Amino acid sequence: MNCLKIFLAVGVTLSASLFCAADAQAGVYECFNEDDLLDCVPCVEDCWTDRVSFYISANNYASVNHMESGGFNSFSFLANSGSDNNVSYDFGLALGTRIPVGCKCKALRFEVEGAFRDLGSLSTTSFQTEGPIQTYIVDYDDRWSVMTNCWLDFPLKNNKTIYVGGGIGANGGKVSIDDTYVSGQARFNRFAWQIGGGVTWDVSQRVTLDLGYRYMDYGSTFVDLSANYDPTVAAGNYIADLTSHQVMLGIRFNSLGNLIGRR
């Protein structure tokens, strides 16, 4: 009897999938409900959620950045120390695909995400003089990141979905260090990784709003220092280790293939 129920469920599922695909070409969207067969038979309000689709999203980030310093200043014969925080506002784009898995609209999303990171300036302790404590001013310019992400979607009611996941990639830019006595600058490319999650709301079949959280580790950047009075005199090095807590608000445009062709 169980085998018969499974056989019927598979048959209904395949038939409904073909039916939805055929109606999709004609611009008609219908779904079905066969709860008396198996719990894992797809049943959704919009059949587009049960197909592989492509999307593009525009994301805005409010980031709380944290930097830890290290290295050694041979001009003052002291190890660099201290940390600092600042807030930045960044923008990015992501291109991805959504692949249904299992049942009840769960899905995996794979995407490539690029962002411009305006990290601005931070400062850390350099050394103590007879007057005020000297500080390093750390300026980031032309900062960017490119990440390959994977997110797992879990549907909720009322067109809402929660997701978790993460990604790996690279980040780079230009960093300048100066404490008025020694300075240095360098361009860099570093490995980066992130984890996060969030909740989405399907405003329509084409548009989804995304509110999420990210923890991002940009890795460590090494900068050689030299004396300001004579750039040929080496003065040690500076290490900047940067992480970030980010709140993201994004808008996603779904079904790119249907945006190009007829839906």
Protein backbone atom coordinates (compact mmCIF):
# COMPACT_ATOMS: atom_id res chain seq x y z
CA MET A 1 0.00 0.00 0.00
CA ASN A 2 2.82 2.40 0.86
CA CYS A 3 4.50 1.65 -2.47
CA LEU A 4 1.23 2.45 -4.25
CA LYS A 5 0.94 5.79 -2.42
CA ILE A 6 4.53 6.66 -3.31
CA PHE A 7 3.95 5.68 -6.94
CA LEU A 8 0.80 7.82 -7.10
CA ALA A 9 2.55 10.74 -5.44
CA VAL A 10 5.45 10.64 -7.89
CA GLY A 11 3.02 10.42 -10.78
CA VAL A 12 0.99 13.38 -9.55
CA THR A 13 4.14 15.39 -8.93
CA LEU A 14 5.54 14.77 -12.42
CA SER A 15 2.18 15.46 -14.03
CA ALA A 16 1.73 18.67 -12.10
CA SER A 17 5.27 19.80 -12.94
CA LEU A 18 4.64 19.28 -16.64
CA PHE A 19 1.27 21.00 -16.30
CA CYS A 20 2.83 24.02 -14.59
CA ALA A 21 5.62 24.19 -17.17
CA ALA A 22 3.12 24.11 -20.01
CA ASP A 23 0.92 26.76 -18.40
CA ALA A 24 3.97 28.91 -17.71
CA GLN A 25 4.66 29.15 -21.41
CA ALA A 26 1.07 30.26 -21.96
CA GLY A 27 1.20 32.78 -19.14
CA VAL A 28 -1.07 30.74 -16.82
CA TYR A 29 -0.02 29.69 -13.31
CA GLU A 30 -1.86 26.95 -11.48
CA CYS A 31 -0.88 24.79 -8.51
CA PHE A 32 -2.27 21.71 -6.90
CA ASN A 33 -2.78 20.12 -3.50
CA GLU A 34 -2.58 16.41 -2.84
CA ASP A 35 -2.12 16.29 0.94
CA ASP A 36 -3.84 12.90 1.09
CA LEU A 37 -0.92 11.32 -0.79
CA LEU A 38 2.39 12.50 0.68
CA ASP A 39 3.39 15.49 2.77
CA CYS A 40 6.30 16.15 0.44
CA VAL A 41 4.23 16.81 -2.68
CA PRO A 42 4.98 20.39 -3.81
CA CYS A 43 2.12 22.78 -3.13
CA VAL A 44 2.78 26.49 -3.34
CA GLU A 45 0.81 29.59 -4.14
CA ASP A 46 2.92 30.41 -7.19
CA CYS A 47 4.48 27.70 -9.29
CA TRP A 48 7.48 29.92 -10.12
CA THR A 49 8.84 29.18 -6.62
CA ASP A 50 9.13 25.52 -7.57
CA ARG A 51 11.41 26.08 -10.56
CA VAL A 52 15.05 27.03 -11.01
CA SER A 53 15.22 30.81 -11.45
CA PHE A 54 17.80 33.57 -11.73
CA TYR A 55 17.84 36.88 -9.92
CA ILE A 56 19.74 40.11 -9.42
CA SER A 57 19.72 42.06 -6.16
CA ALA A 58 20.80 45.54 -5.07
CA ASN A 59 22.05 45.66 -1.47
CA ASN A 60 22.76 48.47 0.98
CA TYR A 61 24.90 47.79 4.05
CA ALA A 62 25.27 49.65 7.35
CA SER A 63 28.53 48.27 8.75
CA VAL A 64 30.17 48.51 12.17
CA ASN A 65 33.85 47.88 11.40
CA HIS A 66 36.41 46.74 13.97
CA MET A 67 40.18 46.94 13.41
CA GLU A 68 42.92 45.37 15.55
CA SER A 69 46.48 46.62 15.02
CA GLY A 70 49.78 44.79 15.18
CA GLY A 71 53.32 44.88 13.88
CA PHE A 72 56.40 46.70 15.18
CA ASN A 73 57.52 50.32 14.96
CA SER A 74 61.33 50.25 14.82
CA PHE A 75 61.46 54.06 15.00
CA SER A 76 60.12 54.00 18.58
CA PHE A 77 61.13 50.35 19.30
CA LEU A 78 57.56 49.54 20.37
CA ALA A 79 54.99 47.02 19.25
CA ASN A 80 51.92 48.52 17.61
CA SER A 81 48.76 48.03 19.65
CA GLY A 82 45.19 49.16 20.06
CA SER A 83 41.93 48.87 18.17
CA ASP A 84 39.24 51.13 16.78
CA ASN A 85 35.68 51.02 15.42
CA ASN A 86 33.79 53.06 12.88
CA VAL A 87 30.55 52.96 10.90
CA SER A 88 30.37 52.86 7.12
CA TYR A 89 27.64 52.64 4.49
CA ASP A 90 28.31 50.40 1.51
CA PHE A 91 26.54 49.31 -1.69
CA GLY A 92 26.67 46.08 -3.66
CA LEU A 93 25.06 43.96 -6.37
CA ALA A 94 24.54 40.20 -6.51
CA LEU A 95 23.68 37.86 -9.38
CA GLY A 96 22.39 34.44 -8.40
CA THR A 97 20.26 31.39 -9.04
CA ARG A 98 17.60 29.79 -6.84
CA ILE A 99 17.36 25.97 -6.93
CA PRO A 100 14.41 24.24 -5.20
CA VAL A 101 15.41 21.33 -2.94
CA GLY A 102 13.27 18.80 -1.11
CA CYS A 103 9.74 19.98 -0.66
CA LYS A 104 7.63 22.84 0.71
CA CYS A 105 9.55 25.46 -1.26
CA LYS A 106 12.92 25.06 0.48
CA ALA A 107 15.69 26.18 -1.85
CA LEU A 108 19.41 26.73 -2.23
CA ARG A 109 20.63 30.03 -3.62
CA PHE A 110 24.07 30.46 -5.16
CA GLU A 111 25.26 33.96 -5.98
CA VAL A 112 28.22 36.14 -6.82
CA GLU A 113 28.18 39.37 -4.81
CA GLY A 114 30.27 42.45 -5.47
CA ALA A 115 30.39 45.47 -3.16
CA PHE A 116 32.07 48.84 -2.81
CA ARG A 117 33.30 49.28 0.78
CA ASP A 118 33.73 52.87 1.99
CA LEU A 119 35.56 52.10 5.23
CA GLY A 120 36.96 55.58 5.82
CA SER A 121 39.50 56.24 8.60
CA LEU A 122 40.41 54.53 11.88
CA SER A 123 43.10 55.25 14.47
CA THR A 124 45.22 53.20 16.90
CA THR A 125 47.99 53.88 19.42
CA SER A 126 51.50 54.55 18.16
CA PHE A 127 53.71 55.64 21.10
CA GLN A 128 53.78 57.96 24.11
CA THR A 129 55.74 61.21 23.89
CA GLU A 130 56.13 63.90 26.54
CA GLY A 131 52.91 65.36 25.22
CA PRO A 132 49.83 63.56 23.85
CA ILE A 133 49.91 59.90 22.82
CA GLN A 134 50.83 59.54 19.16
CA THR A 135 48.26 57.71 17.06
CA TYR A 136 48.28 56.03 13.68
CA ILE A 137 45.69 57.30 11.22
CA VAL A 138 44.62 54.40 9.01
CA ASP A 139 42.85 55.39 5.78
CA TYR A 140 41.19 52.90 3.43
CA ASP A 141 40.51 53.88 -0.20
CA ASP A 142 39.09 52.08 -3.26
CA ARG A 143 37.92 49.20 -1.06
CA TRP A 144 35.99 46.38 -2.75
CA SER A 145 34.91 42.80 -2.13
CA VAL A 146 33.75 39.94 -4.35
CA MET A 147 32.10 36.96 -2.64
CA THR A 148 30.67 33.61 -3.75
CA ASN A 149 27.75 32.89 -1.44
CA CYS A 150 25.42 29.99 -0.69
CA TRP A 151 22.13 30.55 1.17
CA LEU A 152 19.52 28.00 2.31
CA ASP A 153 15.92 29.28 2.26
CA PHE A 154 13.24 28.08 4.69
CA PRO A 155 9.73 29.31 3.79
CA LEU A 156 7.35 30.83 6.33
CA LYS A 157 3.77 31.95 5.98
CA ASN A 158 2.57 35.16 4.32
CA ASN A 159 5.20 35.12 1.54
CA LYS A 160 8.11 35.33 3.99
CA THR A 161 11.30 33.25 4.06
CA ILE A 162 14.19 32.96 6.49
CA TYR A 163 17.66 32.03 5.28
CA VAL A 164 21.12 31.17 6.60
CA GLY A 165 24.45 30.68 4.88
CA GLY A 166 27.75 32.29 4.07
CA GLY A 167 30.41 32.78 1.47
CA ILE A 168 34.08 33.08 0.61
CA GLY A 169 35.91 35.44 -1.71
CA ALA A 170 38.39 38.28 -1.86
CA ASN A 171 38.67 41.93 -0.93
CA GLY A 172 41.17 44.61 -1.76
CA GLY A 173 41.98 48.28 -1.99
CA LYS A 174 44.55 50.79 -0.79
CA VAL A 175 45.53 51.47 2.83
CA SER A 176 47.65 54.37 4.14
CA ILE A 177 49.25 54.58 7.61
CA ASP A 178 50.68 57.75 9.21
CA ASP A 179 51.53 58.85 12.77
CA THR A 180 53.45 62.00 11.64
CA TYR A 181 56.79 60.28 12.41
CA VAL A 182 56.49 57.17 10.23
CA SER A 183 54.15 56.26 7.42
CA GLY A 184 53.47 53.74 4.68
CA GLN A 185 50.91 52.72 2.11
CA ALA A 186 50.13 49.61 0.08
CA ARG A 187 47.62 48.10 -2.28
CA PHE A 188 46.38 44.69 -1.24
CA ASN A 189 44.20 41.71 -2.16
CA ARG A 190 43.14 39.38 0.64
CA PHE A 191 40.96 36.35 1.25
CA ALA A 192 37.62 37.17 2.92
CA TRP A 193 34.74 35.14 4.34
CA GLN A 194 31.30 35.82 5.76
CA ILE A 195 28.36 34.14 7.48
CA GLY A 196 24.88 35.46 8.02
CA GLY A 197 21.15 35.10 7.72
CA GLY A 198 17.99 37.10 7.32
CA VAL A 199 14.34 37.24 6.36
CA THR A 200 12.83 37.99 2.97
CA TRP A 201 9.36 39.08 1.90
CA ASP A 202 7.97 38.37 -1.57
CA VAL A 203 6.24 41.60 -2.53
CA SER A 204 5.31 39.93 -5.83
CA GLN A 205 6.55 37.12 -8.05
CA ARG A 206 9.17 39.48 -9.44
CA VAL A 207 10.25 41.52 -6.40
CA THR A 208 11.58 40.38 -3.00
CA LEU A 209 12.73 42.54 -0.07
CA ASP A 210 15.67 41.23 1.99
CA LEU A 211 16.65 42.24 5.53
CA GLY A 212 19.77 40.43 6.72
CA TYR A 213 22.80 40.32 8.97
CA ARG A 214 26.40 39.53 7.95
CA TYR A 215 29.57 38.95 9.90
CA MET A 216 32.52 39.53 7.57
CA ASP A 217 36.22 38.90 8.09
CA TYR A 218 38.38 40.88 5.66
CA GLY A 219 41.65 39.34 6.86
CA SER A 220 44.91 41.11 7.74
CA THR A 221 46.77 43.74 5.73
CA PHE A 222 50.55 44.27 6.08
CA VAL A 223 52.12 47.69 5.40
CA ASP A 224 55.85 48.49 5.50
CA LEU A 225 56.65 51.71 7.36
CA SER A 226 59.38 54.26 6.68
CA ALA A 227 60.52 57.47 8.40
CA ASN A 228 58.74 60.60 7.23
CA TYR A 229 61.95 62.63 7.23
CA ASP A 230 63.61 60.10 4.91
CA PRO A 231 61.49 57.49 3.08
CA THR A 232 64.58 55.34 2.53
CA VAL A 233 64.84 54.65 6.28
CA ALA A 234 62.82 51.55 7.20
CA ALA A 235 60.68 51.92 10.33
CA GLY A 236 59.07 48.51 10.80
CA ASN A 237 55.61 47.43 9.73
CA TYR A 238 51.93 47.80 10.55
CA ILE A 239 49.30 45.02 10.56
CA ALA A 240 45.60 45.86 10.30
CA ASP A 241 43.12 43.04 10.98
CA LEU A 242 39.60 44.07 9.97
CA THR A 243 36.19 42.52 10.69
CA SER A 244 32.67 43.88 10.31
CA HIS A 245 29.11 43.44 11.59
CA GLN A 246 26.67 44.42 8.85
CA VAL A 247 22.94 45.05 8.58
CA MET A 248 21.81 44.67 4.98
CA LEU A 249 18.67 45.89 3.24
CA GLY A 250 18.27 44.64 -0.30
CA ILE A 251 15.78 44.38 -3.13
CA ARG A 252 15.82 41.30 -5.35
CA PHE A 253 14.44 41.06 -8.88
CA ASN A 254 13.42 37.46 -9.59
CA SER A 255 12.97 35.37 -12.73
CA LEU A 256 15.51 37.15 -14.94
CA GLY A 257 14.85 34.70 -17.76
CA ASN A 258 11.21 35.69 -17.78
CA LEU A 259 12.07 39.37 -17.64
CA ILE A 260 13.90 38.97 -20.96
CA GLY A 261 11.38 36.71 -22.63
CA ARG A 262 7.63 36.35 -22.37
CA ARG A 263 6.28 35.17 -19.05
